[in-house]
Amino acid sequence: MRALRAGLDNMTQAELAEKVGVTRQTIIAIEQAKYSPSLETAFLISEALGVPLTDVVAFEPGDNA
């Protein structure tokens, strides 16, 4: 997600968080794979970044995160 933000005029974590309606700490945790966003949040992130949902989240079979 960090690379996607960088492609948008270096959108900051704070700017993305504001567009999505979450905290900057949430964006940090998602980018560090310490937190998996809800489906709604994932959709909002993909919309804010202008990319398909599959560019924001990925599911690996057996991944319990």
PDB file of N, CA and C in Angstrom:
ATOM      1  N   MET A   1       0.825  -1.175   0.000  1.00  0.00           N
ATOM      2  CA  MET A   1       0.000   0.000   0.000  1.00  0.00           C
ATOM      3  C   MET A   1       0.877   1.249   0.000  1.00  0.00           C
ATOM      4  N   ARG A   2       2.014   1.147   0.631  1.00  0.00           N
ATOM      5  CA  ARG A   2       2.930   2.289   0.681  1.00  0.00           C
ATOM      6  C   ARG A   2       3.310   2.721  -0.737  1.00  0.00           C
ATOM      7  N   ALA A   3       3.596   1.763  -1.600  1.00  0.00           N
ATOM      8  CA  ALA A   3       3.973   2.074  -2.989  1.00  0.00           C
ATOM      9  C   ALA A   3       2.797   2.700  -3.743  1.00  0.00           C
ATOM     10  N   LEU A   4       1.600   2.254  -3.451  1.00  0.00           N
ATOM     11  CA  LEU A   4       0.424   2.842  -4.096  1.00  0.00           C
ATOM     12  C   LEU A   4       0.247   4.297  -3.676  1.00  0.00           C
ATOM     13  N   ARG A   5       0.473   4.572  -2.391  1.00  0.00           N
ATOM     14  CA  ARG A   5       0.379   5.959  -1.910  1.00  0.00           C
ATOM     15  C   ARG A   5       1.429   6.832  -2.585  1.00  0.00           C
ATOM     16  N   ALA A   6       2.636   6.303  -2.715  1.00  0.00           N
ATOM     17  CA  ALA A   6       3.742   7.064  -3.313  1.00  0.00           C
ATOM     18  C   ALA A   6       3.428   7.435  -4.751  1.00  0.00           C
ATOM     19  N   GLY A   7       2.690   6.578  -5.435  1.00  0.00           N
ATOM     20  CA  GLY A   7       2.308   6.861  -6.814  1.00  0.00           C
ATOM     21  C   GLY A   7       1.278   7.964  -6.947  1.00  0.00           C
ATOM     22  N   LEU A   8       0.720   8.386  -5.849  1.00  0.00           N
ATOM     23  CA  LEU A   8      -0.303   9.444  -5.859  1.00  0.00           C
ATOM     24  C   LEU A   8       0.260  10.718  -5.242  1.00  0.00           C
ATOM     25  N   ASP A   9       1.251  11.269  -5.892  1.00  0.00           N
ATOM     26  CA  ASP A   9       1.881  12.505  -5.409  1.00  0.00           C
ATOM     27  C   ASP A   9       2.336  12.372  -3.965  1.00  0.00           C
ATOM     28  N   ASN A  10       2.883  11.200  -3.630  1.00  0.00           N
ATOM     29  CA  ASN A  10       3.373  10.941  -2.279  1.00  0.00           C
ATOM     30  C   ASN A  10       2.323  11.213  -1.206  1.00  0.00           C
ATOM     31  N   MET A  11       1.121  10.665  -1.405  1.00  0.00           N
ATOM     32  CA  MET A  11       0.060  10.793  -0.409  1.00  0.00           C
ATOM     33  C   MET A  11       0.593  10.286   0.927  1.00  0.00           C
ATOM     34  N   THR A  12       0.386  11.031   1.966  1.00  0.00           N
ATOM     35  CA  THR A  12       0.856  10.625   3.287  1.00  0.00           C
ATOM     36  C   THR A  12      -0.114   9.630   3.923  1.00  0.00           C
ATOM     37  N   GLN A  13       0.378   8.957   4.941  1.00  0.00           N
ATOM     38  CA  GLN A  13      -0.489   8.060   5.701  1.00  0.00           C
ATOM     39  C   GLN A  13      -1.643   8.837   6.309  1.00  0.00           C
ATOM     40  N   ALA A  14      -1.364  10.027   6.788  1.00  0.00           N
ATOM     41  CA  ALA A  14      -2.408  10.856   7.405  1.00  0.00           C
ATOM     42  C   ALA A  14      -3.473  11.249   6.382  1.00  0.00           C
ATOM     43  N   GLU A  15      -3.048  11.579   5.166  1.00  0.00           N
ATOM     44  CA  GLU A  15      -4.005  11.952   4.123  1.00  0.00           C
ATOM     45  C   GLU A  15      -4.893  10.770   3.753  1.00  0.00           C
ATOM     46  N   LEU A  16      -4.289   9.595   3.611  1.00  0.00           N
ATOM     47  CA  LEU A  16      -5.072   8.409   3.295  1.00  0.00           C
ATOM     48  C   LEU A  16      -6.032   8.087   4.437  1.00  0.00           C
ATOM     49  N   ALA A  17      -5.535   8.160   5.649  1.00  0.00           N
ATOM     50  CA  ALA A  17      -6.379   7.886   6.816  1.00  0.00           C
ATOM     51  C   ALA A  17      -7.584   8.812   6.845  1.00  0.00           C
ATOM     52  N   GLU A  18      -7.362  10.084   6.550  1.00  0.00           N
ATOM     53  CA  GLU A  18      -8.469  11.044   6.548  1.00  0.00           C
ATOM     54  C   GLU A  18      -9.496  10.701   5.476  1.00  0.00           C
ATOM     55  N   LYS A  19      -9.028  10.339   4.285  1.00  0.00           N
ATOM     56  CA  LYS A  19      -9.945   9.991   3.193  1.00  0.00           C
ATOM     57  C   LYS A  19     -10.757   8.743   3.516  1.00  0.00           C
ATOM     58  N   VAL A  20     -10.136   7.812   4.238  1.00  0.00           N
ATOM     59  CA  VAL A  20     -10.783   6.539   4.537  1.00  0.00           C
ATOM     60  C   VAL A  20     -11.627   6.619   5.813  1.00  0.00           C
ATOM     61  N   GLY A  21     -11.274   7.526   6.707  1.00  0.00           N
ATOM     62  CA  GLY A  21     -12.015   7.662   7.953  1.00  0.00           C
ATOM     63  C   GLY A  21     -11.475   6.783   9.062  1.00  0.00           C
ATOM     64  N   VAL A  22     -10.161   6.542   9.015  1.00  0.00           N
ATOM     65  CA  VAL A  22      -9.497   5.769  10.074  1.00  0.00           C
ATOM     66  C   VAL A  22      -8.343   6.600  10.602  1.00  0.00           C
ATOM     67  N   THR A  23      -7.652   6.074  11.599  1.00  0.00           N
ATOM     68  CA  THR A  23      -6.502   6.793  12.137  1.00  0.00           C
ATOM     69  C   THR A  23      -5.244   6.489  11.327  1.00  0.00           C
ATOM     70  N   ARG A  24      -4.272   7.339  11.459  1.00  0.00           N
ATOM     71  CA  ARG A  24      -2.973   7.115  10.813  1.00  0.00           C
ATOM     72  C   ARG A  24      -2.354   5.821  11.335  1.00  0.00           C
ATOM     73  N   GLN A  25      -2.558   5.535  12.608  1.00  0.00           N
ATOM     74  CA  GLN A  25      -2.015   4.320  13.203  1.00  0.00           C
ATOM     75  C   GLN A  25      -2.607   3.078  12.541  1.00  0.00           C
ATOM     76  N   THR A  26      -3.862   3.154  12.128  1.00  0.00           N
ATOM     77  CA  THR A  26      -4.487   2.032  11.424  1.00  0.00           C
ATOM     78  C   THR A  26      -3.815   1.804  10.079  1.00  0.00           C
ATOM     79  N   ILE A  27      -3.543   2.882   9.353  1.00  0.00           N
ATOM     80  CA  ILE A  27      -2.862   2.775   8.058  1.00  0.00           C
ATOM     81  C   ILE A  27      -1.468   2.177   8.257  1.00  0.00           C
ATOM     82  N   ILE A  28      -0.763   2.633   9.279  1.00  0.00           N
ATOM     83  CA  ILE A  28       0.568   2.090   9.575  1.00  0.00           C
ATOM     84  C   ILE A  28       0.474   0.585   9.826  1.00  0.00           C
ATOM     85  N   ALA A  29      -0.471   0.170  10.647  1.00  0.00           N
ATOM     86  CA  ALA A  29      -0.616  -1.253  10.985  1.00  0.00           C
ATOM     87  C   ALA A  29      -0.957  -2.082   9.749  1.00  0.00           C
ATOM     88  N   ILE A  30      -1.793  -1.560   8.870  1.00  0.00           N
ATOM     89  CA  ILE A  30      -2.133  -2.278   7.642  1.00  0.00           C
ATOM     90  C   ILE A  30      -0.902  -2.407   6.758  1.00  0.00           C
ATOM     91  N   GLU A  31      -0.156  -1.321   6.606  1.00  0.00           N
ATOM     92  CA  GLU A  31       1.037  -1.343   5.765  1.00  0.00           C
ATOM     93  C   GLU A  31       2.101  -2.289   6.305  1.00  0.00           C
ATOM     94  N   GLN A  32       2.157  -2.462   7.609  1.00  0.00           N
ATOM     95  CA  GLN A  32       3.142  -3.350   8.229  1.00  0.00           C
ATOM     96  C   GLN A  32       2.613  -4.777   8.388  1.00  0.00           C
ATOM     97  N   ALA A  33       1.431  -5.032   7.817  1.00  0.00           N
ATOM     98  CA  ALA A  33       0.782  -6.352   7.889  1.00  0.00           C
ATOM     99  C   ALA A  33       0.551  -6.808   9.327  1.00  0.00           C
ATOM    100  N   LYS A  34       0.331  -5.853  10.215  1.00  0.00           N
ATOM    101  CA  LYS A  34       0.020  -6.180  11.608  1.00  0.00           C
ATOM    102  C   LYS A  34      -1.489  -6.166  11.849  1.00  0.00           C
ATOM    103  N   TYR A  35      -2.230  -5.702  10.846  1.00  0.00           N
ATOM    104  CA  TYR A  35      -3.677  -5.578  10.961  1.00  0.00           C
ATOM    105  C   TYR A  35      -4.285  -5.787   9.594  1.00  0.00           C
ATOM    106  N   SER A  36      -5.349  -6.574   9.528  1.00  0.00           N
ATOM    107  CA  SER A  36      -6.080  -6.765   8.279  1.00  0.00           C
ATOM    108  C   SER A  36      -7.324  -5.887   8.334  1.00  0.00           C
ATOM    109  N   PRO A  37      -7.499  -5.033   7.328  1.00  0.00           N
ATOM    110  CA  PRO A  37      -8.649  -4.135   7.354  1.00  0.00           C
ATOM    111  C   PRO A  37      -9.954  -4.888   7.137  1.00  0.00           C
ATOM    112  N   SER A  38     -11.027  -4.310   7.631  1.00  0.00           N
ATOM    113  CA  SER A  38     -12.346  -4.873   7.348  1.00  0.00           C
ATOM    114  C   SER A  38     -12.590  -4.736   5.848  1.00  0.00           C
ATOM    115  N   LEU A  39     -13.563  -5.449   5.340  1.00  0.00           N
ATOM    116  CA  LEU A  39     -13.878  -5.365   3.917  1.00  0.00           C
ATOM    117  C   LEU A  39     -14.278  -3.940   3.546  1.00  0.00           C
ATOM    118  N   GLU A  40     -15.057  -3.299   4.390  1.00  0.00           N
ATOM    119  CA  GLU A  40     -15.474  -1.921   4.134  1.00  0.00           C
ATOM    120  C   GLU A  40     -14.262  -0.993   4.059  1.00  0.00           C
ATOM    121  N   THR A  41     -13.344  -1.119   4.992  1.00  0.00           N
ATOM    122  CA  THR A  41     -12.149  -0.279   4.992  1.00  0.00           C
ATOM    123  C   THR A  41     -11.296  -0.561   3.766  1.00  0.00           C
ATOM    124  N   ALA A  42     -11.175  -1.829   3.396  1.00  0.00           N
ATOM    125  CA  ALA A  42     -10.402  -2.178   2.204  1.00  0.00           C
ATOM    126  C   ALA A  42     -11.007  -1.538   0.956  1.00  0.00           C
ATOM    127  N   PHE A  43     -12.325  -1.563   0.839  1.00  0.00           N
ATOM    128  CA  PHE A  43     -12.992  -0.911  -0.294  1.00  0.00           C
ATOM    129  C   PHE A  43     -12.729   0.593  -0.288  1.00  0.00           C
ATOM    130  N   LEU A  44     -12.797   1.208   0.878  1.00  0.00           N
ATOM    131  CA  LEU A  44     -12.564   2.647   0.974  1.00  0.00           C
ATOM    132  C   LEU A  44     -11.119   2.995   0.604  1.00  0.00           C
ATOM    133  N   ILE A  45     -10.177   2.160   1.014  1.00  0.00           N
ATOM    134  CA  ILE A  45      -8.770   2.388   0.660  1.00  0.00           C
ATOM    135  C   ILE A  45      -8.596   2.271  -0.844  1.00  0.00           C
ATOM    136  N   SER A  46      -9.176   1.238  -1.445  1.00  0.00           N
ATOM    137  CA  SER A  46      -9.024   1.065  -2.895  1.00  0.00           C
ATOM    138  C   SER A  46      -9.637   2.239  -3.643  1.00  0.00           C
ATOM    139  N   GLU A  47     -10.753   2.738  -3.157  1.00  0.00           N
ATOM    140  CA  GLU A  47     -11.391   3.906  -3.780  1.00  0.00           C
ATOM    141  C   GLU A  47     -10.512   5.144  -3.628  1.00  0.00           C
ATOM    142  N   ALA A  48      -9.964   5.353  -2.446  1.00  0.00           N
ATOM    143  CA  ALA A  48      -9.126   6.526  -2.193  1.00  0.00           C
ATOM    144  C   ALA A  48      -7.859   6.502  -3.036  1.00  0.00           C
ATOM    145  N   LEU A  49      -7.334   5.293  -3.268  1.00  0.00           N
ATOM    146  CA  LEU A  49      -6.107   5.161  -4.042  1.00  0.00           C
ATOM    147  C   LEU A  49      -6.373   5.013  -5.536  1.00  0.00           C
ATOM    148  N   GLY A  50      -7.647   4.779  -5.896  1.00  0.00           N
ATOM    149  CA  GLY A  50      -8.006   4.627  -7.298  1.00  0.00           C
ATOM    150  C   GLY A  50      -7.474   3.354  -7.925  1.00  0.00           C
ATOM    151  N   VAL A  51      -7.467   2.283  -7.124  1.00  0.00           N
ATOM    152  CA  VAL A  51      -6.962   0.997  -7.611  1.00  0.00           C
ATOM    153  C   VAL A  51      -7.991  -0.092  -7.299  1.00  0.00           C
ATOM    154  N   PRO A  52      -7.885  -1.230  -7.998  1.00  0.00           N
ATOM    155  CA  PRO A  52      -8.797  -2.341  -7.685  1.00  0.00           C
ATOM    156  C   PRO A  52      -8.570  -2.864  -6.263  1.00  0.00           C
ATOM    157  N   LEU A  53      -9.607  -3.426  -5.701  1.00  0.00           N
ATOM    158  CA  LEU A  53      -9.531  -3.972  -4.348  1.00  0.00           C
ATOM    159  C   LEU A  53      -8.399  -4.989  -4.223  1.00  0.00           C
ATOM    160  N   THR A  54      -8.174  -5.771  -5.255  1.00  0.00           N
ATOM    161  CA  THR A  54      -7.129  -6.796  -5.203  1.00  0.00           C
ATOM    162  C   THR A  54      -5.730  -6.197  -5.112  1.00  0.00           C
ATOM    163  N   ASP A  55      -5.574  -4.929  -5.435  1.00  0.00           N
ATOM    164  CA  ASP A  55      -4.277  -4.262  -5.257  1.00  0.00           C
ATOM    165  C   ASP A  55      -4.044  -3.860  -3.805  1.00  0.00           C
ATOM    166  N   VAL A  56      -5.114  -3.807  -3.041  1.00  0.00           N
ATOM    167  CA  VAL A  56      -5.028  -3.370  -1.645  1.00  0.00           C
ATOM    168  C   VAL A  56      -4.884  -4.553  -0.698  1.00  0.00           C
ATOM    169  N   VAL A  57      -5.633  -5.606  -0.945  1.00  0.00           N
ATOM    170  CA  VAL A  57      -5.604  -6.779  -0.076  1.00  0.00           C
ATOM    171  C   VAL A  57      -5.371  -8.034  -0.893  1.00  0.00           C
ATOM    172  N   ALA A  58      -4.785  -9.001  -0.277  1.00  0.00           N
ATOM    173  CA  ALA A  58      -4.575 -10.292  -0.927  1.00  0.00           C
ATOM    174  C   ALA A  58      -4.869 -11.378   0.101  1.00  0.00           C
ATOM    175  N   PHE A  59      -5.392 -12.464  -0.376  1.00  0.00           N
ATOM    176  CA  PHE A  59      -5.682 -13.594   0.511  1.00  0.00           C
ATOM    177  C   PHE A  59      -4.867 -14.778   0.060  1.00  0.00           C
ATOM    178  N   GLU A  60      -4.159 -15.349   0.983  1.00  0.00           N
ATOM    179  CA  GLU A  60      -3.402 -16.566   0.726  1.00  0.00           C
ATOM    180  C   GLU A  60      -4.094 -17.689   1.476  1.00  0.00           C
ATOM    181  N   PRO A  61      -4.455 -18.769   0.778  1.00  0.00           N
ATOM    182  CA  PRO A  61      -5.082 -19.905   1.476  1.00  0.00           C
ATOM    183  C   PRO A  61      -4.241 -20.337   2.671  1.00  0.00           C
ATOM    184  N   GLY A  62      -4.896 -20.560   3.776  1.00  0.00           N
ATOM    185  CA  GLY A  62      -4.184 -20.956   4.986  1.00  0.00           C
ATOM    186  C   GLY A  62      -3.693 -19.768   5.795  1.00  0.00           C
ATOM    187  N   ASP A  63      -3.903 -18.565   5.285  1.00  0.00           N
ATOM    188  CA  ASP A  63      -3.478 -17.341   5.987  1.00  0.00           C
ATOM    189  C   ASP A  63      -4.546 -17.001   7.010  1.00  0.00           C
ATOM    190  N   ASN A  64      -4.205 -17.097   8.273  1.00  0.00           N
ATOM    191  CA  ASN A  64      -5.172 -16.843   9.342  1.00  0.00           C
ATOM    192  C   ASN A  64      -5.071 -15.438   9.894  1.00  0.00           C
ATOM    193  N   ALA A  65      -4.358 -14.547   9.235  1.00  0.00           N
ATOM    194  CA  ALA A  65      -4.161 -13.187   9.745  1.00  0.00           C
ATOM    195  C   ALA A  65      -5.398 -12.360   9.623  1.00  0.00           C
TER     196      ALA A  65
END
